[in-house]
PDB file of N, CA and C in Angstrom:
ATOM      1  N   MET A   1       6.929   4.753  -8.041  1.00  0.00           N
ATOM      2  CA  MET A   1       7.240   3.655  -8.164  1.00  0.00           C
ATOM      3  C   MET A   1       6.483   2.733  -6.766  1.00  0.00           C
ATOM      4  N   PRO A   2       5.800   1.857  -7.284  1.00  0.00           N
ATOM      5  CA  PRO A   2       4.938   0.639  -6.478  1.00  0.00           C
ATOM      6  C   PRO A   2       5.323   0.217  -5.241  1.00  0.00           C
ATOM      7  N   VAL A   3       4.681   0.553  -4.179  1.00  0.00           N
ATOM      8  CA  VAL A   3       4.961   0.068  -2.980  1.00  0.00           C
ATOM      9  C   VAL A   3       5.693  -1.275  -3.002  1.00  0.00           C
ATOM     10  N   THR A   4       5.701  -2.205  -3.820  1.00  0.00           N
ATOM     11  CA  THR A   4       5.947  -3.862  -3.469  1.00  0.00           C
ATOM     12  C   THR A   4       8.098  -3.260  -3.936  1.00  0.00           C
ATOM     13  N   MET A   5       8.075  -1.994  -4.381  1.00  0.00           N
ATOM     14  CA  MET A   5       9.202  -1.661  -4.561  1.00  0.00           C
ATOM     15  C   MET A   5       9.940  -0.563  -3.297  1.00  0.00           C
ATOM     16  N   ALA A   6       9.241  -1.109  -2.277  1.00  0.00           N
ATOM     17  CA  ALA A   6      10.180   0.423  -0.996  1.00  0.00           C
ATOM     18  C   ALA A   6      10.780  -0.861  -0.187  1.00  0.00           C
ATOM     19  N   CYS A   7      11.588  -0.612   0.686  1.00  0.00           N
ATOM     20  CA  CYS A   7      12.508  -1.089   1.536  1.00  0.00           C
ATOM     21  C   CYS A   7      11.930  -1.082   2.536  1.00  0.00           C
ATOM     22  N   LEU A   8      12.041  -2.431   3.596  1.00  0.00           N
ATOM     23  CA  LEU A   8      11.577  -2.775   4.320  1.00  0.00           C
ATOM     24  C   LEU A   8      11.829  -1.784   5.726  1.00  0.00           C
ATOM     25  N   ASP A   9      10.850  -1.683   6.085  1.00  0.00           N
ATOM     26  CA  ASP A   9      10.637  -0.884   7.250  1.00  0.00           C
ATOM     27  C   ASP A   9      10.421   0.878   7.016  1.00  0.00           C
ATOM     28  N   GLU A  10      10.538   1.300   5.771  1.00  0.00           N
ATOM     29  CA  GLU A  10      10.670   2.411   5.169  1.00  0.00           C
ATOM     30  C   GLU A  10       9.386   2.623   5.212  1.00  0.00           C
ATOM     31  N   VAL A  11       9.643   3.966   5.814  1.00  0.00           N
ATOM     32  CA  VAL A  11       8.089   5.135   5.754  1.00  0.00           C
ATOM     33  C   VAL A  11       7.975   5.556   4.832  1.00  0.00           C
ATOM     34  N   VAL A  12       7.039   5.769   3.746  1.00  0.00           N
ATOM     35  CA  VAL A  12       6.437   6.085   2.640  1.00  0.00           C
ATOM     36  C   VAL A  12       5.337   7.019   2.879  1.00  0.00           C
ATOM     37  N   THR A  13       4.926   7.777   1.636  1.00  0.00           N
ATOM     38  CA  THR A  13       3.802   8.410   1.324  1.00  0.00           C
ATOM     39  C   THR A  13       3.201   7.829   0.418  1.00  0.00           C
ATOM     40  N   ILE A  14       1.568   7.744   0.328  1.00  0.00           N
ATOM     41  CA  ILE A  14       1.051   7.170  -0.912  1.00  0.00           C
ATOM     42  C   ILE A  14       1.279   8.839  -1.616  1.00  0.00           C
ATOM     43  N   THR A  15       1.199   8.019  -2.949  1.00  0.00           N
ATOM     44  CA  THR A  15       1.005   9.727  -4.251  1.00  0.00           C
ATOM     45  C   THR A  15      -0.471   9.396  -5.373  1.00  0.00           C
ATOM     46  N   ARG A  16      -0.423   8.047  -5.151  1.00  0.00           N
ATOM     47  CA  ARG A  16      -1.376   8.017  -6.130  1.00  0.00           C
ATOM     48  C   ARG A  16      -2.093   6.179  -6.041  1.00  0.00           C
ATOM     49  N   ILE A  17      -3.223   5.923  -6.139  1.00  0.00           N
ATOM     50  CA  ILE A  17      -4.198   5.015  -6.624  1.00  0.00           C
ATOM     51  C   ILE A  17      -4.535   4.343  -7.721  1.00  0.00           C
ATOM     52  N   SER A  18      -3.771   3.419  -8.528  1.00  0.00           N
ATOM     53  CA  SER A  18      -4.312   3.050  -9.760  1.00  0.00           C
ATOM     54  C   SER A  18      -5.819   2.098  -9.572  1.00  0.00           C
ATOM     55  N   GLY A  19      -6.268   1.776 -10.613  1.00  0.00           N
ATOM     56  CA  GLY A  19      -7.267   0.939 -10.955  1.00  0.00           C
ATOM     57  C   GLY A  19      -8.886   1.211 -10.984  1.00  0.00           C
ATOM     58  N   LYS A  20      -9.452   0.191 -11.028  1.00  0.00           N
ATOM     59  CA  LYS A  20     -11.210   0.750 -11.119  1.00  0.00           C
ATOM     60  C   LYS A  20     -11.389   1.187  -9.498  1.00  0.00           C
ATOM     61  N   ASP A  21     -12.443   1.818  -9.502  1.00  0.00           N
ATOM     62  CA  ASP A  21     -13.136   2.665  -8.977  1.00  0.00           C
ATOM     63  C   ASP A  21     -13.817   1.708  -7.670  1.00  0.00           C
ATOM     64  N   GLU A  22     -14.081   0.513  -8.212  1.00  0.00           N
ATOM     65  CA  GLU A  22     -14.262  -0.924  -6.844  1.00  0.00           C
ATOM     66  C   GLU A  22     -12.508  -0.671  -6.546  1.00  0.00           C
ATOM     67  N   VAL A  23     -11.680  -0.914  -6.796  1.00  0.00           N
ATOM     68  CA  VAL A  23     -10.473  -1.170  -6.380  1.00  0.00           C
ATOM     69  C   VAL A  23      -9.655   0.116  -5.531  1.00  0.00           C
ATOM     70  N   ARG A  24      -9.866   0.985  -5.776  1.00  0.00           N
ATOM     71  CA  ARG A  24      -9.861   2.420  -5.088  1.00  0.00           C
ATOM     72  C   ARG A  24     -10.524   2.390  -4.008  1.00  0.00           C
ATOM     73  N   HIS A  25     -12.100   2.448  -4.201  1.00  0.00           N
ATOM     74  CA  HIS A  25     -12.704   2.313  -2.830  1.00  0.00           C
ATOM     75  C   HIS A  25     -12.553   1.914  -1.967  1.00  0.00           C
ATOM     76  N   HIS A  26     -12.078   0.193  -2.500  1.00  0.00           N
ATOM     77  CA  HIS A  26     -11.873  -0.976  -1.441  1.00  0.00           C
ATOM     78  C   HIS A  26     -10.134  -0.896  -0.599  1.00  0.00           C
ATOM     79  N   LEU A  27      -9.204   0.046  -1.280  1.00  0.00           N
ATOM     80  CA  LEU A  27      -8.088   0.085  -0.244  1.00  0.00           C
ATOM     81  C   LEU A  27      -8.533   1.529   0.761  1.00  0.00           C
ATOM     82  N   HIS A  28      -9.891   2.782   0.139  1.00  0.00           N
ATOM     83  CA  HIS A  28      -9.751   3.831   0.798  1.00  0.00           C
ATOM     84  C   HIS A  28     -10.224   3.166   2.177  1.00  0.00           C
ATOM     85  N   GLU A  29     -11.455   2.377   2.128  1.00  0.00           N
ATOM     86  CA  GLU A  29     -11.618   1.299   3.417  1.00  0.00           C
ATOM     87  C   GLU A  29     -10.591   0.880   4.265  1.00  0.00           C
ATOM     88  N   LEU A  30      -9.897   0.723   3.631  1.00  0.00           N
ATOM     89  CA  LEU A  30      -8.784   0.302   4.574  1.00  0.00           C
ATOM     90  C   LEU A  30      -8.040   0.681   5.023  1.00  0.00           C
ATOM     91  N   GLY A  31      -7.927   1.838   4.285  1.00  0.00           N
ATOM     92  CA  GLY A  31      -7.198   3.244   5.320  1.00  0.00           C
ATOM     93  C   GLY A  31      -6.169   3.802   4.495  1.00  0.00           C
ATOM     94  N   LEU A  32      -5.942   3.602   3.160  1.00  0.00           N
ATOM     95  CA  LEU A  32      -5.120   3.704   2.313  1.00  0.00           C
ATOM     96  C   LEU A  32      -5.625   4.472   1.013  1.00  0.00           C
ATOM     97  N   ILE A  33      -4.973   5.864   1.282  1.00  0.00           N
ATOM     98  CA  ILE A  33      -5.632   7.016   0.527  1.00  0.00           C
ATOM     99  C   ILE A  33      -4.126   7.688   0.343  1.00  0.00           C
ATOM    100  N   GLU A  34      -4.521   8.623  -0.617  1.00  0.00           N
ATOM    101  CA  GLU A  34      -3.675   9.249  -0.862  1.00  0.00           C
ATOM    102  C   GLU A  34      -3.125  10.485  -0.356  1.00  0.00           C
ATOM    103  N   GLY A  35      -1.731  10.841  -0.007  1.00  0.00           N
ATOM    104  CA  GLY A  35      -0.906  11.663   1.398  1.00  0.00           C
ATOM    105  C   GLY A  35      -0.760  10.780   2.541  1.00  0.00           C
ATOM    106  N   GLU A  36      -1.219   9.755   2.838  1.00  0.00           N
ATOM    107  CA  GLU A  36      -1.231   8.710   4.108  1.00  0.00           C
ATOM    108  C   GLU A  36       0.120   8.444   4.413  1.00  0.00           C
ATOM    109  N   LYS A  37       0.721   8.312   5.121  1.00  0.00           N
ATOM    110  CA  LYS A  37       2.137   7.700   5.525  1.00  0.00           C
ATOM    111  C   LYS A  37       2.075   6.450   5.367  1.00  0.00           C
ATOM    112  N   ILE A  38       2.729   5.394   5.117  1.00  0.00           N
ATOM    113  CA  ILE A  38       2.777   3.907   5.289  1.00  0.00           C
ATOM    114  C   ILE A  38       3.831   3.317   5.692  1.00  0.00           C
ATOM    115  N   THR A  39       4.118   2.614   6.822  1.00  0.00           N
ATOM    116  CA  THR A  39       5.243   1.861   6.566  1.00  0.00           C
ATOM    117  C   THR A  39       5.388   0.438   6.010  1.00  0.00           C
ATOM    118  N   VAL A  40       6.438  -0.296   4.963  1.00  0.00           N
ATOM    119  CA  VAL A  40       5.798  -1.510   4.728  1.00  0.00           C
ATOM    120  C   VAL A  40       6.736  -2.528   6.060  1.00  0.00           C
ATOM    121  N   VAL A  41       5.791  -2.880   6.419  1.00  0.00           N
ATOM    122  CA  VAL A  41       6.075  -3.970   7.599  1.00  0.00           C
ATOM    123  C   VAL A  41       7.551  -5.284   6.946  1.00  0.00           C
ATOM    124  N   SER A  42       6.561  -6.212   5.774  1.00  0.00           N
ATOM    125  CA  SER A  42       6.920  -7.206   4.936  1.00  0.00           C
ATOM    126  C   SER A  42       6.860  -7.119   3.752  1.00  0.00           C
ATOM    127  N   ASN A  43       7.713  -7.820   2.975  1.00  0.00           N
ATOM    128  CA  ASN A  43       7.342  -8.089   1.324  1.00  0.00           C
ATOM    129  C   ASN A  43       8.262  -9.283   1.376  1.00  0.00           C
ATOM    130  N   ASN A  44       7.326  -9.801   0.847  1.00  0.00           N
ATOM    131  CA  ASN A  44       7.387 -11.571   0.564  1.00  0.00           C
ATOM    132  C   ASN A  44       7.508 -11.573  -0.799  1.00  0.00           C
ATOM    133  N   GLY A  45       8.204 -11.293  -2.296  1.00  0.00           N
ATOM    134  CA  GLY A  45       8.207 -12.066  -3.681  1.00  0.00           C
ATOM    135  C   GLY A  45       6.448 -10.972  -4.068  1.00  0.00           C
ATOM    136  N   GLY A  46       6.454  -9.995  -3.441  1.00  0.00           N
ATOM    137  CA  GLY A  46       5.600  -8.906  -4.174  1.00  0.00           C
ATOM    138  C   GLY A  46       3.995  -8.852  -3.344  1.00  0.00           C
ATOM    139  N   ASN A  47       3.774  -9.661  -2.314  1.00  0.00           N
ATOM    140  CA  ASN A  47       2.920  -9.644  -1.517  1.00  0.00           C
ATOM    141  C   ASN A  47       3.234  -8.827  -0.095  1.00  0.00           C
ATOM    142  N   VAL A  48       2.547  -7.986   0.386  1.00  0.00           N
ATOM    143  CA  VAL A  48       3.450  -6.775   1.338  1.00  0.00           C
ATOM    144  C   VAL A  48       2.755  -7.172   2.324  1.00  0.00           C
ATOM    145  N   ILE A  49       3.032  -6.140   3.283  1.00  0.00           N
ATOM    146  CA  ILE A  49       2.293  -6.243   4.729  1.00  0.00           C
ATOM    147  C   ILE A  49       2.746  -4.394   5.111  1.00  0.00           C
ATOM    148  N   LEU A  50       1.483  -3.892   5.295  1.00  0.00           N
ATOM    149  CA  LEU A  50       1.824  -2.400   5.371  1.00  0.00           C
ATOM    150  C   LEU A  50       1.612  -2.041   6.821  1.00  0.00           C
ATOM    151  N   GLN A  51       1.928  -1.378   7.129  1.00  0.00           N
ATOM    152  CA  GLN A  51       1.194  -0.340   8.621  1.00  0.00           C
ATOM    153  C   GLN A  51       1.005   0.927   7.888  1.00  0.00           C
ATOM    154  N   ALA A  52      -0.267   0.586   8.538  1.00  0.00           N
ATOM    155  CA  ALA A  52      -1.177   2.421   8.589  1.00  0.00           C
ATOM    156  C   ALA A  52      -2.383   2.931   9.333  1.00  0.00           C
ATOM    157  N   LYS A  53      -1.899   3.840   9.987  1.00  0.00           N
ATOM    158  CA  LYS A  53      -2.672   4.279  10.924  1.00  0.00           C
ATOM    159  C   LYS A  53      -2.548   3.095  12.560  1.00  0.00           C
ATOM    160  N   GLY A  54      -1.713   2.670  12.172  1.00  0.00           N
ATOM    161  CA  GLY A  54      -1.737   1.898  13.052  1.00  0.00           C
ATOM    162  C   GLY A  54      -2.150   0.181  13.267  1.00  0.00           C
ATOM    163  N   VAL A  55      -2.485   0.073  11.924  1.00  0.00           N
ATOM    164  CA  VAL A  55      -2.979  -0.666  12.041  1.00  0.00           C
ATOM    165  C   VAL A  55      -2.172  -1.564  10.357  1.00  0.00           C
ATOM    166  N   ARG A  56      -2.138  -3.544  10.694  1.00  0.00           N
ATOM    167  CA  ARG A  56      -1.388  -3.687   9.305  1.00  0.00           C
ATOM    168  C   ARG A  56      -2.220  -4.745   8.705  1.00  0.00           C
ATOM    169  N   ILE A  57      -1.871  -4.217   7.213  1.00  0.00           N
ATOM    170  CA  ILE A  57      -2.542  -4.333   6.273  1.00  0.00           C
ATOM    171  C   ILE A  57      -1.886  -5.377   5.640  1.00  0.00           C
ATOM    172  N   ALA A  58      -2.158  -6.727   4.925  1.00  0.00           N
ATOM    173  CA  ALA A  58      -1.489  -7.460   4.274  1.00  0.00           C
ATOM    174  C   ALA A  58      -2.305  -7.408   2.421  1.00  0.00           C
ATOM    175  N   LEU A  59      -1.436  -7.295   1.195  1.00  0.00           N
ATOM    176  CA  LEU A  59      -2.244  -7.203   0.195  1.00  0.00           C
ATOM    177  C   LEU A  59      -1.194  -8.192  -0.709  1.00  0.00           C
ATOM    178  N   ASP A  60      -2.008  -8.829  -1.739  1.00  0.00           N
ATOM    179  CA  ASP A  60      -1.026  -9.771  -2.467  1.00  0.00           C
ATOM    180  C   ASP A  60      -0.640  -9.074  -3.610  1.00  0.00           C
ATOM    181  N   GLU A  61       0.673  -8.996  -4.233  1.00  0.00           N
ATOM    182  CA  GLU A  61       1.543  -8.384  -5.184  1.00  0.00           C
ATOM    183  C   GLU A  61       0.383  -7.934  -6.201  1.00  0.00           C
ATOM    184  N   LYS A  62      -0.683  -7.944  -6.779  1.00  0.00           N
ATOM    185  CA  LYS A  62      -1.432  -7.400  -8.097  1.00  0.00           C
ATOM    186  C   LYS A  62      -1.906  -5.767  -7.184  1.00  0.00           C
ATOM    187  N   MET A  63      -2.722  -6.114  -6.146  1.00  0.00           N
ATOM    188  CA  MET A  63      -3.491  -4.979  -5.027  1.00  0.00           C
ATOM    189  C   MET A  63      -2.496  -3.962  -5.219  1.00  0.00           C
ATOM    190  N   ALA A  64      -1.442  -4.819  -4.241  1.00  0.00           N
ATOM    191  CA  ALA A  64       0.140  -3.301  -3.798  1.00  0.00           C
ATOM    192  C   ALA A  64       0.556  -2.849  -5.043  1.00  0.00           C
ATOM    193  N   ASN A  65       0.513  -3.034  -6.325  1.00  0.00           N
ATOM    194  CA  ASN A  65       1.097  -2.708  -7.254  1.00  0.00           C
ATOM    195  C   ASN A  65       0.037  -1.474  -8.527  1.00  0.00           C
ATOM    196  N   ARG A  66      -0.977  -1.212  -6.723  1.00  0.00           N
ATOM    197  CA  ARG A  66      -1.675  -0.122  -7.047  1.00  0.00           C
ATOM    198  C   ARG A  66      -1.520   1.286  -6.873  1.00  0.00           C
ATOM    199  N   ILE A  67      -0.986   0.743  -5.365  1.00  0.00           N
ATOM    200  CA  ILE A  67      -0.695   1.756  -5.024  1.00  0.00           C
ATOM    201  C   ILE A  67       1.377   2.811  -5.208  1.00  0.00           C
ATOM    202  N   TYR A  68       0.545   3.670  -5.469  1.00  0.00           N
ATOM    203  CA  TYR A  68       2.339   4.257  -5.650  1.00  0.00           C
ATOM    204  C   TYR A  68       2.604   5.275  -4.923  1.00  0.00           C
ATOM    205  N   ILE A  69       4.240   5.462  -4.413  1.00  0.00           N
ATOM    206  CA  ILE A  69       4.695   6.001  -3.703  1.00  0.00           C
ATOM    207  C   ILE A  69       5.518   6.870  -4.077  1.00  0.00           C
TER     208      ILE A  69
END
């Protein structure tokens, strides 16, 4: 399921990242890789704020829906 469906403050593991190579590379540069544990800090209408490796990352709904947990 996409990360946009996760509950607040839930620690989840990224299982897959979909999209073109450029999108996957961009998310990888942000520290979002398969196997990484992330926390959903905020979910507002599909737009999410994630915490990974001690850093908060804001993603719009379209980008967040490419991250599967």
